[in-house]
Amino acid sequence: MAEETKERILNTALALFSQRGYLGTSMSDIANELGMTKGALYKHYTSKQEILDRIPSRMPTVTPAIEVF
């Protein structure tokens, strides 16, 4: 269940960062959007920066197609 919650946090944070920007989104915004307290959010992630750092690690690696002539 903790992993599902972490995934929900990352998805919600990504959506808010996309809409409001990183600087325009607070931990309170993320917690409110999820319907949880800031304390519960901090149980999973210690900072907004940690959340931002985790987002790319869950994205699939894309290898660009290179044509060789």
C-alpha atoms as a PDB file:
ATOM      1  CA  MET A   1       0.000   0.000   0.000  1.00  0.00           C
ATOM      2  CA  ALA A   2       2.869   2.396   0.726  1.00  0.00           C
ATOM      3  CA  GLU A   3       4.165   1.961  -2.827  1.00  0.00           C
ATOM      4  CA  GLU A   4       0.719   2.741  -4.242  1.00  0.00           C
ATOM      5  CA  THR A   5       0.568   5.873  -2.108  1.00  0.00           C
ATOM      6  CA  LYS A   6       4.025   6.955  -3.267  1.00  0.00           C
ATOM      7  CA  GLU A   7       2.952   6.443  -6.873  1.00  0.00           C
ATOM      8  CA  ARG A   8      -0.185   8.552  -6.293  1.00  0.00           C
ATOM      9  CA  ILE A   9       1.953  11.285  -4.747  1.00  0.00           C
ATOM     10  CA  LEU A  10       4.309  11.311  -7.731  1.00  0.00           C
ATOM     11  CA  ASN A  11       1.444  11.380 -10.240  1.00  0.00           C
ATOM     12  CA  THR A  12      -0.297  14.194  -8.404  1.00  0.00           C
ATOM     13  CA  ALA A  13       2.890  16.199  -7.963  1.00  0.00           C
ATOM     14  CA  LEU A  14       3.731  15.828 -11.645  1.00  0.00           C
ATOM     15  CA  ALA A  15       0.286  17.089 -12.624  1.00  0.00           C
ATOM     16  CA  LEU A  16       0.558  20.069 -10.266  1.00  0.00           C
ATOM     17  CA  PHE A  17       4.117  20.879 -11.367  1.00  0.00           C
ATOM     18  CA  SER A  18       2.884  20.818 -14.969  1.00  0.00           C
ATOM     19  CA  GLN A  19      -0.022  23.151 -14.195  1.00  0.00           C
ATOM     20  CA  ARG A  20       1.531  25.539 -11.672  1.00  0.00           C
ATOM     21  CA  GLY A  21       5.255  25.014 -12.061  1.00  0.00           C
ATOM     22  CA  TYR A  22       7.599  23.604  -9.445  1.00  0.00           C
ATOM     23  CA  LEU A  23       7.947  26.891  -7.564  1.00  0.00           C
ATOM     24  CA  GLY A  24       4.194  27.490  -7.701  1.00  0.00           C
ATOM     25  CA  THR A  25       3.394  24.154  -6.059  1.00  0.00           C
ATOM     26  CA  SER A  26       3.780  23.594  -2.334  1.00  0.00           C
ATOM     27  CA  MET A  27       3.763  20.437  -0.263  1.00  0.00           C
ATOM     28  CA  SER A  28       0.425  21.670   1.094  1.00  0.00           C
ATOM     29  CA  ASP A  29      -0.942  21.837  -2.460  1.00  0.00           C
ATOM     30  CA  ILE A  30       0.123  18.258  -3.121  1.00  0.00           C
ATOM     31  CA  ALA A  31      -1.294  17.015   0.189  1.00  0.00           C
ATOM     32  CA  ASN A  32      -4.585  18.860  -0.320  1.00  0.00           C
ATOM     33  CA  GLU A  33      -4.990  17.484  -3.834  1.00  0.00           C
ATOM     34  CA  LEU A  34      -4.494  13.974  -2.451  1.00  0.00           C
ATOM     35  CA  GLY A  35      -6.830  14.521   0.497  1.00  0.00           C
ATOM     36  CA  MET A  36      -4.098  13.833   3.034  1.00  0.00           C
ATOM     37  CA  THR A  37      -2.322  15.834   5.675  1.00  0.00           C
ATOM     38  CA  LYS A  38       1.118  17.318   5.151  1.00  0.00           C
ATOM     39  CA  GLY A  39       2.344  15.011   7.916  1.00  0.00           C
ATOM     40  CA  ALA A  40       1.186  11.970   5.964  1.00  0.00           C
ATOM     41  CA  LEU A  41       2.875  13.318   2.839  1.00  0.00           C
ATOM     42  CA  TYR A  42       6.144  13.890   4.715  1.00  0.00           C
ATOM     43  CA  LYS A  43       5.985  10.283   5.937  1.00  0.00           C
ATOM     44  CA  HIS A  44       6.572   9.220   2.319  1.00  0.00           C
ATOM     45  CA  TYR A  45       8.804  12.044   1.030  1.00  0.00           C
ATOM     46  CA  THR A  46      10.959  14.397   3.079  1.00  0.00           C
ATOM     47  CA  SER A  47      10.740  17.325   0.658  1.00  0.00           C
ATOM     48  CA  LYS A  48       9.323  18.653  -2.573  1.00  0.00           C
ATOM     49  CA  GLN A  49      12.808  18.321  -4.064  1.00  0.00           C
ATOM     50  CA  GLU A  50      12.834  14.601  -3.240  1.00  0.00           C
ATOM     51  CA  ILE A  51       9.516  14.212  -5.061  1.00  0.00           C
ATOM     52  CA  LEU A  52      10.891  16.065  -8.075  1.00  0.00           C
ATOM     53  CA  ASP A  53      14.017  13.899  -8.038  1.00  0.00           C
ATOM     54  CA  ARG A  54      11.936  10.687  -8.057  1.00  0.00           C
ATOM     55  CA  ILE A  55       9.723  11.595 -11.013  1.00  0.00           C
ATOM     56  CA  PRO A  56      12.307  10.944 -13.774  1.00  0.00           C
ATOM     57  CA  SER A  57      13.358   7.613 -12.251  1.00  0.00           C
ATOM     58  CA  ARG A  58       9.902   6.160 -12.895  1.00  0.00           C
ATOM     59  CA  MET A  59       9.732   7.242 -16.509  1.00  0.00           C
ATOM     60  CA  PRO A  60      10.649   4.650 -19.125  1.00  0.00           C
ATOM     61  CA  THR A  61      13.998   4.938 -20.777  1.00  0.00           C
ATOM     62  CA  VAL A  62      13.645   5.866 -24.409  1.00  0.00           C
ATOM     63  CA  THR A  63      16.416   5.072 -26.808  1.00  0.00           C
ATOM     64  CA  PRO A  64      16.371   7.381 -29.783  1.00  0.00           C
ATOM     65  CA  ALA A  65      16.292   5.742 -33.178  1.00  0.00           C
ATOM     66  CA  ILE A  66      19.452   6.515 -35.095  1.00  0.00           C
ATOM     67  CA  GLU A  67      19.650   5.836 -38.789  1.00  0.00           C
ATOM     68  CA  VAL A  68      23.017   4.910 -40.144  1.00  0.00           C
ATOM     69  CA  PHE A  69      23.552   5.569 -43.852  1.00  0.00           C
END
